[in-house]
Amino acid sequence: MYNIPAPYFDLDYTLDCGQVFRWIPEDDWWHGVVKGEIIHAFQDRETESLILDSRLPEDYLYRYFRLDDDIPSIFSDMDKDAYIHEAISKYSGLRLILQEPWECLISYMLATASNIPRIKKTIGTMSRLLGEDLGNGFFSFPEPEALAGCCSDDLCECRMGFRAGRLVQAAQQVADGEFDLNAPFDMGYGEAKQYLMNIEGIGDKVADCILLFSYDKMEAFPVDTHVEKIVKQYYSDNFEGPYTKAKMAEWGISYFGKYCGYAQQYLFYQRRLEGALGTSL
């Protein structure tokens, strides 16, 4: 059991905002599986500490929850206008999660043309079928070799649709060493994005999600339907050029700066919960 100081942190916002899919809330606790280990997490708001029950090392969990991020500095850097200022004020404490690259890659390939409840259900079914039984209803995320050995019919119960074949192909590339999961860590943002997009089924948005949530590329600005509507509705005066996802991602970097990934998550979360920005302005 670890008791880790966690100022400027909100466990609920962080795990509920849509960036991770394998955490389940129960009363005041959250339960999840990371790197094949079960984690039970609780936030003590009086002492501003994070209580974690897990066999994973404390330093790994500290980095996983990105407790080393300088949140006041990040907020100051990305606080460019009234809309992002409101989102920061309302959902302060939301932090990005530093996910495992393999699980993040497959999860966001599954997220294409889907929604959060469906993604969670699909990943849960896939883990039950192909992962290791950890007990108490928890299963590890399938290893690349387990997924690589499947055919599309094996995954029918997961209801992946057109994504099944792409996931198996990606798993085969990782299992065979054709795709190196560690390579993007040593690449710049642009090079890493192109490297990921060599995998069939990974376009601009999915690549940016993977880079932001697992490779520490905080200059990634994923553009899904929520963010596309945000840019068109609230930032049209600052935007020039066609409203393509690639162009909007470039705009996010130039407008919000080096922590635009954090800005994206705050704007995305507020719009998903409230249906709009600027509701208090």
C-alpha atoms as a PDB file:
ATOM      1  CA  MET A   1       0.000   0.000   0.000  1.00  0.00           C
ATOM      2  CA  TYR A   2       1.414   3.367  -1.032  1.00  0.00           C
ATOM      3  CA  ASN A   3       0.505   6.811   0.270  1.00  0.00           C
ATOM      4  CA  ILE A   4       1.788   9.294  -2.308  1.00  0.00           C
ATOM      5  CA  PRO A   5       1.530  13.103  -1.999  1.00  0.00           C
ATOM      6  CA  ALA A   6      -0.619  14.298  -4.907  1.00  0.00           C
ATOM      7  CA  PRO A   7      -1.301  18.046  -4.939  1.00  0.00           C
ATOM      8  CA  TYR A   8      -3.074  19.518  -7.977  1.00  0.00           C
ATOM      9  CA  PHE A   9      -4.559  16.094  -8.674  1.00  0.00           C
ATOM     10  CA  ASP A  10      -8.096  14.781  -9.037  1.00  0.00           C
ATOM     11  CA  LEU A  11      -8.403  11.012  -9.346  1.00  0.00           C
ATOM     12  CA  ASP A  12     -12.019  11.076 -10.541  1.00  0.00           C
ATOM     13  CA  TYR A  13     -11.429  13.571 -13.356  1.00  0.00           C
ATOM     14  CA  THR A  14      -8.226  11.817 -14.392  1.00  0.00           C
ATOM     15  CA  LEU A  15      -9.761   8.356 -14.726  1.00  0.00           C
ATOM     16  CA  ASP A  16     -13.193   9.462 -15.960  1.00  0.00           C
ATOM     17  CA  CYS A  17     -12.135  11.890 -18.695  1.00  0.00           C
ATOM     18  CA  GLY A  18     -11.984   9.272 -21.456  1.00  0.00           C
ATOM     19  CA  GLN A  19      -8.254   8.715 -21.846  1.00  0.00           C
ATOM     20  CA  VAL A  20      -8.195   5.248 -20.194  1.00  0.00           C
ATOM     21  CA  PHE A  21     -10.680   2.404 -20.562  1.00  0.00           C
ATOM     22  CA  ARG A  22      -9.832  -0.206 -17.911  1.00  0.00           C
ATOM     23  CA  TRP A  23     -10.667   1.562 -14.664  1.00  0.00           C
ATOM     24  CA  ILE A  24     -13.896   0.939 -12.750  1.00  0.00           C
ATOM     25  CA  PRO A  25     -15.251   3.177  -9.945  1.00  0.00           C
ATOM     26  CA  GLU A  26     -16.751   1.581  -6.843  1.00  0.00           C
ATOM     27  CA  ASP A  27     -17.814   3.795  -3.945  1.00  0.00           C
ATOM     28  CA  ASP A  28     -14.774   6.029  -3.293  1.00  0.00           C
ATOM     29  CA  TRP A  29     -12.276   3.663  -4.936  1.00  0.00           C
ATOM     30  CA  TRP A  30     -11.160   3.018  -8.490  1.00  0.00           C
ATOM     31  CA  HIS A  31     -10.036  -0.454  -9.604  1.00  0.00           C
ATOM     32  CA  GLY A  32      -7.940  -1.126 -12.695  1.00  0.00           C
ATOM     33  CA  VAL A  33      -5.341  -3.343 -14.328  1.00  0.00           C
ATOM     34  CA  VAL A  34      -2.002  -1.979 -15.524  1.00  0.00           C
ATOM     35  CA  LYS A  35       0.928  -4.073 -16.781  1.00  0.00           C
ATOM     36  CA  GLY A  36      -0.869  -7.247 -15.730  1.00  0.00           C
ATOM     37  CA  GLU A  37      -1.310  -6.083 -12.133  1.00  0.00           C
ATOM     38  CA  ILE A  38      -4.462  -5.028 -10.290  1.00  0.00           C
ATOM     39  CA  ILE A  39      -4.473  -1.525  -8.809  1.00  0.00           C
ATOM     40  CA  HIS A  40      -6.891  -0.172  -6.216  1.00  0.00           C
ATOM     41  CA  ALA A  41      -6.789   3.628  -5.993  1.00  0.00           C
ATOM     42  CA  PHE A  42      -8.294   6.113  -3.538  1.00  0.00           C
ATOM     43  CA  GLN A  43      -7.790   9.846  -3.163  1.00  0.00           C
ATOM     44  CA  ASP A  44      -7.601  11.326   0.324  1.00  0.00           C
ATOM     45  CA  ARG A  45      -8.645  14.901  -0.378  1.00  0.00           C
ATOM     46  CA  GLU A  46      -7.948  16.131   3.154  1.00  0.00           C
ATOM     47  CA  THR A  47      -4.264  15.203   2.993  1.00  0.00           C
ATOM     48  CA  GLU A  48      -3.970  15.643  -0.814  1.00  0.00           C
ATOM     49  CA  SER A  49      -2.589  12.149  -1.146  1.00  0.00           C
ATOM     50  CA  LEU A  50      -3.156   9.184  -3.438  1.00  0.00           C
ATOM     51  CA  ILE A  51      -3.607   5.792  -1.784  1.00  0.00           C
ATOM     52  CA  LEU A  52      -2.598   2.903  -4.053  1.00  0.00           C
ATOM     53  CA  ASP A  53      -2.802  -0.813  -3.358  1.00  0.00           C
ATOM     54  CA  SER A  54      -0.704  -2.619  -5.977  1.00  0.00           C
ATOM     55  CA  ARG A  55       2.342  -4.834  -6.473  1.00  0.00           C
ATOM     56  CA  LEU A  56       3.722  -2.429  -9.066  1.00  0.00           C
ATOM     57  CA  PRO A  57       6.671  -0.282  -7.896  1.00  0.00           C
ATOM     58  CA  GLU A  58       5.813   3.068  -6.360  1.00  0.00           C
ATOM     59  CA  ASP A  59       8.003   4.990  -8.797  1.00  0.00           C
ATOM     60  CA  TYR A  60       6.207   3.381 -11.747  1.00  0.00           C
ATOM     61  CA  LEU A  61       2.803   4.380 -10.354  1.00  0.00           C
ATOM     62  CA  TYR A  62       4.059   7.892  -9.636  1.00  0.00           C
ATOM     63  CA  ARG A  63       5.004   8.257 -13.294  1.00  0.00           C
ATOM     64  CA  TYR A  64       1.872   6.465 -14.527  1.00  0.00           C
ATOM     65  CA  PHE A  65      -0.317   9.107 -12.881  1.00  0.00           C
ATOM     66  CA  ARG A  66       2.129  11.796 -14.036  1.00  0.00           C
ATOM     67  CA  LEU A  67       2.489  13.191 -10.540  1.00  0.00           C
ATOM     68  CA  ASP A  68       5.802  14.697 -11.613  1.00  0.00           C
ATOM     69  CA  ASP A  69       4.092  17.067 -14.067  1.00  0.00           C
ATOM     70  CA  ASP A  70       4.389  20.713 -12.997  1.00  0.00           C
ATOM     71  CA  ILE A  71       0.660  21.420 -13.226  1.00  0.00           C
ATOM     72  CA  PRO A  72       0.724  25.140 -12.216  1.00  0.00           C
ATOM     73  CA  SER A  73       3.346  25.793 -14.895  1.00  0.00           C
ATOM     74  CA  ILE A  74       1.393  23.791 -17.487  1.00  0.00           C
ATOM     75  CA  PHE A  75      -1.814  25.675 -16.658  1.00  0.00           C
ATOM     76  CA  SER A  76      -0.039  29.014 -16.918  1.00  0.00           C
ATOM     77  CA  ASP A  77       1.418  28.115 -20.304  1.00  0.00           C
ATOM     78  CA  MET A  78      -1.800  26.876 -21.926  1.00  0.00           C
ATOM     79  CA  ASP A  79      -4.267  29.363 -20.368  1.00  0.00           C
ATOM     80  CA  LYS A  80      -4.819  31.359 -23.554  1.00  0.00           C
ATOM     81  CA  ASP A  81      -8.476  32.421 -23.416  1.00  0.00           C
ATOM     82  CA  ALA A  82     -11.706  32.423 -21.418  1.00  0.00           C
ATOM     83  CA  TYR A  83     -12.822  28.992 -22.648  1.00  0.00           C
ATOM     84  CA  ILE A  84      -9.737  27.060 -21.611  1.00  0.00           C
ATOM     85  CA  HIS A  85      -9.528  29.118 -18.423  1.00  0.00           C
ATOM     86  CA  GLU A  86     -13.027  27.995 -17.462  1.00  0.00           C
ATOM     87  CA  ALA A  87     -12.241  24.350 -18.245  1.00  0.00           C
ATOM     88  CA  ILE A  88      -9.092  24.529 -16.103  1.00  0.00           C
ATOM     89  CA  SER A  89     -10.995  26.151 -13.243  1.00  0.00           C
ATOM     90  CA  LYS A  90     -13.809  23.580 -13.305  1.00  0.00           C
ATOM     91  CA  TYR A  91     -11.747  20.431 -13.795  1.00  0.00           C
ATOM     92  CA  SER A  92      -8.476  21.352 -12.162  1.00  0.00           C
ATOM     93  CA  GLY A  93      -6.565  18.262 -11.132  1.00  0.00           C
ATOM     94  CA  LEU A  94      -7.179  16.276 -14.290  1.00  0.00           C
ATOM     95  CA  ARG A  95      -3.824  14.832 -15.318  1.00  0.00           C
ATOM     96  CA  LEU A  96      -2.792  12.899 -18.358  1.00  0.00           C
ATOM     97  CA  ILE A  97      -2.018   9.214 -17.766  1.00  0.00           C
ATOM     98  CA  LEU A  98       1.208   7.676 -19.093  1.00  0.00           C
ATOM     99  CA  GLN A  99      -0.131   4.408 -20.473  1.00  0.00           C
ATOM    100  CA  GLU A 100       1.666   1.311 -21.682  1.00  0.00           C
ATOM    101  CA  PRO A 101       2.272   1.730 -25.452  1.00  0.00           C
ATOM    102  CA  TRP A 102       0.954  -1.701 -26.533  1.00  0.00           C
ATOM    103  CA  GLU A 103      -2.354  -1.410 -24.698  1.00  0.00           C
ATOM    104  CA  CYS A 104      -2.755   2.222 -25.715  1.00  0.00           C
ATOM    105  CA  LEU A 105      -2.096   1.450 -29.384  1.00  0.00           C
ATOM    106  CA  ILE A 106      -4.697  -1.315 -29.571  1.00  0.00           C
ATOM    107  CA  SER A 107      -7.217   0.577 -27.432  1.00  0.00           C
ATOM    108  CA  TYR A 108      -7.198   3.629 -29.670  1.00  0.00           C
ATOM    109  CA  MET A 109      -7.326   1.555 -32.828  1.00  0.00           C
ATOM    110  CA  LEU A 110     -10.519   0.127 -31.321  1.00  0.00           C
ATOM    111  CA  ALA A 111     -11.776   3.638 -30.572  1.00  0.00           C
ATOM    112  CA  THR A 112     -12.196   4.501 -34.259  1.00  0.00           C
ATOM    113  CA  ALA A 113     -15.857   5.327 -35.012  1.00  0.00           C
ATOM    114  CA  SER A 114     -16.922   4.180 -31.545  1.00  0.00           C
ATOM    115  CA  ASN A 115     -17.822   5.574 -28.123  1.00  0.00           C
ATOM    116  CA  ILE A 116     -16.376   5.196 -24.632  1.00  0.00           C
ATOM    117  CA  PRO A 117     -18.865   2.627 -23.202  1.00  0.00           C
ATOM    118  CA  ARG A 118     -18.487   0.444 -26.302  1.00  0.00           C
ATOM    119  CA  ILE A 119     -14.695   0.709 -26.244  1.00  0.00           C
ATOM    120  CA  LYS A 120     -14.613  -0.339 -22.575  1.00  0.00           C
ATOM    121  CA  LYS A 121     -16.894  -3.299 -23.250  1.00  0.00           C
ATOM    122  CA  THR A 122     -14.873  -4.465 -26.255  1.00  0.00           C
ATOM    123  CA  ILE A 123     -11.556  -4.229 -24.409  1.00  0.00           C
ATOM    124  CA  GLY A 124     -13.045  -6.019 -21.422  1.00  0.00           C
ATOM    125  CA  THR A 125     -14.313  -8.894 -23.573  1.00  0.00           C
ATOM    126  CA  MET A 126     -11.017  -9.163 -25.452  1.00  0.00           C
ATOM    127  CA  SER A 127      -9.061  -9.258 -22.185  1.00  0.00           C
ATOM    128  CA  ARG A 128     -11.341 -11.952 -20.779  1.00  0.00           C
ATOM    129  CA  LEU A 129     -10.906 -14.092 -23.903  1.00  0.00           C
ATOM    130  CA  LEU A 130      -7.181 -13.582 -24.518  1.00  0.00           C
ATOM    131  CA  GLY A 131      -5.673 -12.190 -21.323  1.00  0.00           C
ATOM    132  CA  GLU A 132      -4.585 -13.839 -18.088  1.00  0.00           C
ATOM    133  CA  ASP A 133      -7.190 -14.376 -15.364  1.00  0.00           C
ATOM    134  CA  LEU A 134      -5.991 -12.311 -12.390  1.00  0.00           C
ATOM    135  CA  GLY A 135      -8.907 -13.259 -10.143  1.00  0.00           C
ATOM    136  CA  ASN A 136     -11.920 -11.360  -8.847  1.00  0.00           C
ATOM    137  CA  GLY A 137     -13.113 -10.615 -12.371  1.00  0.00           C
ATOM    138  CA  PHE A 138      -9.888  -8.900 -13.491  1.00  0.00           C
ATOM    139  CA  PHE A 139      -7.930  -9.911 -16.597  1.00  0.00           C
ATOM    140  CA  SER A 140      -4.640  -8.726 -18.031  1.00  0.00           C
ATOM    141  CA  PHE A 141      -4.544  -7.025 -21.416  1.00  0.00           C
ATOM    142  CA  PRO A 142      -3.718  -9.595 -24.135  1.00  0.00           C
ATOM    143  CA  GLU A 143      -0.074  -9.872 -25.155  1.00  0.00           C
ATOM    144  CA  PRO A 144       0.775  -9.176 -28.831  1.00  0.00           C
ATOM    145  CA  GLU A 145       1.398 -12.878 -29.480  1.00  0.00           C
ATOM    146  CA  ALA A 146      -2.057 -13.821 -28.168  1.00  0.00           C
ATOM    147  CA  LEU A 147      -3.806 -11.341 -30.446  1.00  0.00           C
ATOM    148  CA  ALA A 148      -1.509 -12.077 -33.384  1.00  0.00           C
ATOM    149  CA  GLY A 149      -2.548 -15.737 -33.352  1.00  0.00           C
ATOM    150  CA  CYS A 150      -6.236 -14.905 -33.812  1.00  0.00           C
ATOM    151  CA  CYS A 151      -8.320 -14.753 -36.938  1.00  0.00           C
ATOM    152  CA  SER A 152     -11.246 -12.378 -37.307  1.00  0.00           C
ATOM    153  CA  ASP A 153     -13.709 -15.148 -36.404  1.00  0.00           C
ATOM    154  CA  ASP A 154     -11.945 -15.665 -33.063  1.00  0.00           C
ATOM    155  CA  LEU A 155     -12.848 -12.093 -32.144  1.00  0.00           C
ATOM    156  CA  CYS A 156     -16.534 -12.195 -33.085  1.00  0.00           C
ATOM    157  CA  GLU A 157     -17.614 -12.064 -29.441  1.00  0.00           C
ATOM    158  CA  CYS A 158     -15.688  -8.809 -29.043  1.00  0.00           C
ATOM    159  CA  ARG A 159     -17.838  -7.162 -31.730  1.00  0.00           C
ATOM    160  CA  MET A 160     -14.914  -5.287 -33.247  1.00  0.00           C
ATOM    161  CA  GLY A 161     -16.381  -5.210 -36.744  1.00  0.00           C
ATOM    162  CA  PHE A 162     -14.011  -3.913 -39.412  1.00  0.00           C
ATOM    163  CA  ARG A 163     -11.342  -3.273 -36.750  1.00  0.00           C
ATOM    164  CA  ALA A 164     -10.671  -6.963 -36.022  1.00  0.00           C
ATOM    165  CA  GLY A 165      -8.448  -7.648 -39.019  1.00  0.00           C
ATOM    166  CA  ARG A 166      -6.472  -4.447 -38.472  1.00  0.00           C
ATOM    167  CA  LEU A 167      -5.843  -5.277 -34.823  1.00  0.00           C
ATOM    168  CA  VAL A 168      -4.604  -8.761 -35.639  1.00  0.00           C
ATOM    169  CA  GLN A 169      -2.312  -7.345 -38.323  1.00  0.00           C
ATOM    170  CA  ALA A 170      -0.923  -4.723 -35.907  1.00  0.00           C
ATOM    171  CA  ALA A 171      -0.336  -7.430 -33.295  1.00  0.00           C
ATOM    172  CA  GLN A 172       1.545  -9.520 -35.835  1.00  0.00           C
ATOM    173  CA  GLN A 173       3.760  -6.549 -36.714  1.00  0.00           C
ATOM    174  CA  VAL A 174       4.600  -6.025 -33.034  1.00  0.00           C
ATOM    175  CA  ALA A 175       5.086  -9.744 -32.301  1.00  0.00           C
ATOM    176  CA  ASP A 176       7.358 -10.169 -35.342  1.00  0.00           C
ATOM    177  CA  GLY A 177       9.441  -7.124 -34.451  1.00  0.00           C
ATOM    178  CA  GLU A 178       8.392  -5.298 -37.608  1.00  0.00           C
ATOM    179  CA  PHE A 179       7.019  -2.507 -35.425  1.00  0.00           C
ATOM    180  CA  ASP A 180       9.147  -1.471 -32.435  1.00  0.00           C
ATOM    181  CA  LEU A 181       6.954  -0.186 -29.603  1.00  0.00           C
ATOM    182  CA  ASN A 182       9.924   1.589 -28.009  1.00  0.00           C
ATOM    183  CA  ALA A 183      11.056   3.439 -31.130  1.00  0.00           C
ATOM    184  CA  PRO A 184       8.680   6.452 -30.829  1.00  0.00           C
ATOM    185  CA  PHE A 185      10.169   7.348 -27.429  1.00  0.00           C
ATOM    186  CA  ASP A 186      13.409   8.343 -29.176  1.00  0.00           C
ATOM    187  CA  MET A 187      11.738  10.171 -32.058  1.00  0.00           C
ATOM    188  CA  GLY A 188      10.477  13.708 -32.359  1.00  0.00           C
ATOM    189  CA  TYR A 189       6.734  14.244 -32.519  1.00  0.00           C
ATOM    190  CA  GLY A 190       6.461  14.403 -36.326  1.00  0.00           C
ATOM    191  CA  GLU A 191       8.659  11.391 -36.988  1.00  0.00           C
ATOM    192  CA  ALA A 192       6.910   9.334 -34.313  1.00  0.00           C
ATOM    193  CA  LYS A 193       3.517  10.192 -35.778  1.00  0.00           C
ATOM    194  CA  GLN A 194       4.536   9.061 -39.257  1.00  0.00           C
ATOM    195  CA  TYR A 195       6.002   5.875 -37.802  1.00  0.00           C
ATOM    196  CA  LEU A 196       2.710   5.014 -36.090  1.00  0.00           C
ATOM    197  CA  MET A 197       0.725   5.803 -39.210  1.00  0.00           C
ATOM    198  CA  ASN A 198       2.587   3.055 -41.062  1.00  0.00           C
ATOM    199  CA  ILE A 199       0.208   0.686 -39.269  1.00  0.00           C
ATOM    200  CA  GLU A 200      -3.035   0.175 -41.163  1.00  0.00           C
ATOM    201  CA  GLY A 201      -5.919   1.654 -39.195  1.00  0.00           C
ATOM    202  CA  ILE A 202      -3.902   4.438 -37.559  1.00  0.00           C
ATOM    203  CA  GLY A 203      -4.647   7.895 -38.934  1.00  0.00           C
ATOM    204  CA  ASP A 204      -3.984  11.395 -37.619  1.00  0.00           C
ATOM    205  CA  LYS A 205      -6.308  11.284 -34.609  1.00  0.00           C
ATOM    206  CA  VAL A 206      -5.412   7.788 -33.428  1.00  0.00           C
ATOM    207  CA  ALA A 207      -1.694   8.494 -33.822  1.00  0.00           C
ATOM    208  CA  ASP A 208      -2.010  11.696 -31.783  1.00  0.00           C
ATOM    209  CA  CYS A 209      -3.929   9.861 -29.033  1.00  0.00           C
ATOM    210  CA  ILE A 210      -1.247   7.187 -28.797  1.00  0.00           C
ATOM    211  CA  LEU A 211       1.570   9.754 -28.780  1.00  0.00           C
ATOM    212  CA  LEU A 212      -0.115  11.882 -26.117  1.00  0.00           C
ATOM    213  CA  PHE A 213      -1.249   9.111 -23.803  1.00  0.00           C
ATOM    214  CA  SER A 214       1.680   6.701 -23.987  1.00  0.00           C
ATOM    215  CA  TYR A 215       4.747   8.386 -25.518  1.00  0.00           C
ATOM    216  CA  ASP A 216       4.821  11.622 -23.517  1.00  0.00           C
ATOM    217  CA  LYS A 217       4.361  13.797 -26.636  1.00  0.00           C
ATOM    218  CA  MET A 218       2.352  16.576 -24.996  1.00  0.00           C
ATOM    219  CA  GLU A 219       2.449  18.569 -28.233  1.00  0.00           C
ATOM    220  CA  ALA A 220       0.016  16.058 -29.758  1.00  0.00           C
ATOM    221  CA  PHE A 221      -3.495  17.505 -30.172  1.00  0.00           C
ATOM    222  CA  PRO A 222      -5.963  14.710 -31.028  1.00  0.00           C
ATOM    223  CA  VAL A 223      -8.930  15.901 -33.079  1.00  0.00           C
ATOM    224  CA  ASP A 224     -12.077  13.796 -32.715  1.00  0.00           C
ATOM    225  CA  THR A 225     -15.637  14.923 -33.381  1.00  0.00           C
ATOM    226  CA  HIS A 226     -15.832  16.754 -30.017  1.00  0.00           C
ATOM    227  CA  VAL A 227     -12.626  18.701 -30.624  1.00  0.00           C
ATOM    228  CA  GLU A 228     -13.557  19.405 -34.246  1.00  0.00           C
ATOM    229  CA  LYS A 229     -16.795  21.020 -33.066  1.00  0.00           C
ATOM    230  CA  ILE A 230     -14.917  22.959 -30.375  1.00  0.00           C
ATOM    231  CA  VAL A 231     -12.497  24.449 -32.919  1.00  0.00           C
ATOM    232  CA  LYS A 232     -15.275  25.358 -35.369  1.00  0.00           C
ATOM    233  CA  GLN A 233     -17.659  26.785 -32.763  1.00  0.00           C
ATOM    234  CA  TYR A 234     -15.329  28.590 -30.367  1.00  0.00           C
ATOM    235  CA  TYR A 235     -12.043  29.214 -32.169  1.00  0.00           C
ATOM    236  CA  SER A 236     -13.029  30.087 -35.744  1.00  0.00           C
ATOM    237  CA  ASP A 237     -11.615  33.614 -35.337  1.00  0.00           C
ATOM    238  CA  ASN A 238      -8.181  32.151 -34.549  1.00  0.00           C
ATOM    239  CA  PHE A 239      -8.253  29.419 -37.204  1.00  0.00           C
ATOM    240  CA  GLU A 240      -7.126  29.779 -40.802  1.00  0.00           C
ATOM    241  CA  GLY A 241      -7.383  27.213 -43.562  1.00  0.00           C
ATOM    242  CA  PRO A 242      -9.591  24.204 -44.264  1.00  0.00           C
ATOM    243  CA  TYR A 243     -11.131  22.367 -41.308  1.00  0.00           C
ATOM    244  CA  THR A 244      -9.240  19.124 -41.760  1.00  0.00           C
ATOM    245  CA  LYS A 245      -8.203  17.076 -38.741  1.00  0.00           C
ATOM    246  CA  ALA A 246      -4.535  17.460 -39.666  1.00  0.00           C
ATOM    247  CA  LYS A 247      -4.888  21.236 -39.981  1.00  0.00           C
ATOM    248  CA  MET A 248      -6.756  21.494 -36.677  1.00  0.00           C
ATOM    249  CA  ALA A 249      -4.073  19.422 -34.945  1.00  0.00           C
ATOM    250  CA  GLU A 250      -1.427  21.826 -36.274  1.00  0.00           C
ATOM    251  CA  TRP A 251      -3.516  24.761 -35.068  1.00  0.00           C
ATOM    252  CA  GLY A 252      -3.745  23.239 -31.587  1.00  0.00           C
ATOM    253  CA  ILE A 253       0.021  23.129 -31.306  1.00  0.00           C
ATOM    254  CA  SER A 254       0.532  26.686 -32.590  1.00  0.00           C
ATOM    255  CA  TYR A 255      -2.263  28.171 -30.442  1.00  0.00           C
ATOM    256  CA  PHE A 256      -1.944  26.351 -27.104  1.00  0.00           C
ATOM    257  CA  GLY A 257       1.774  25.637 -27.312  1.00  0.00           C
ATOM    258  CA  LYS A 258       3.894  22.762 -26.044  1.00  0.00           C
ATOM    259  CA  TYR A 259       1.229  21.537 -23.600  1.00  0.00           C
ATOM    260  CA  CYS A 260      -1.596  21.554 -26.112  1.00  0.00           C
ATOM    261  CA  GLY A 261      -2.324  17.906 -25.296  1.00  0.00           C
ATOM    262  CA  TYR A 262      -3.362  18.963 -21.814  1.00  0.00           C
ATOM    263  CA  ALA A 263      -5.526  21.756 -23.250  1.00  0.00           C
ATOM    264  CA  GLN A 264      -7.206  19.282 -25.587  1.00  0.00           C
ATOM    265  CA  GLN A 265      -8.114  16.961 -22.728  1.00  0.00           C
ATOM    266  CA  TYR A 266      -9.600  19.730 -20.603  1.00  0.00           C
ATOM    267  CA  LEU A 267     -11.696  21.108 -23.481  1.00  0.00           C
ATOM    268  CA  PHE A 268     -12.752  17.610 -24.542  1.00  0.00           C
ATOM    269  CA  TYR A 269     -13.817  16.655 -21.017  1.00  0.00           C
ATOM    270  CA  GLN A 270     -15.860  19.787 -20.394  1.00  0.00           C
ATOM    271  CA  ARG A 271     -17.694  19.497 -23.697  1.00  0.00           C
ATOM    272  CA  ARG A 272     -18.366  15.782 -23.175  1.00  0.00           C
ATOM    273  CA  LEU A 273     -19.833  16.410 -19.707  1.00  0.00           C
ATOM    274  CA  GLU A 274     -21.625  19.714 -20.286  1.00  0.00           C
ATOM    275  CA  GLY A 275     -22.251  19.699 -24.046  1.00  0.00           C
ATOM    276  CA  ALA A 276     -20.661  23.123 -24.439  1.00  0.00           C
ATOM    277  CA  LEU A 277     -17.839  25.418 -23.395  1.00  0.00           C
ATOM    278  CA  GLY A 278     -18.164  28.746 -21.656  1.00  0.00           C
ATOM    279  CA  THR A 279     -21.207  27.673 -19.650  1.00  0.00           C
ATOM    280  CA  SER A 280     -20.207  29.931 -16.763  1.00  0.00           C
ATOM    281  CA  LEU A 281     -19.052  32.915 -18.817  1.00  0.00           C
END
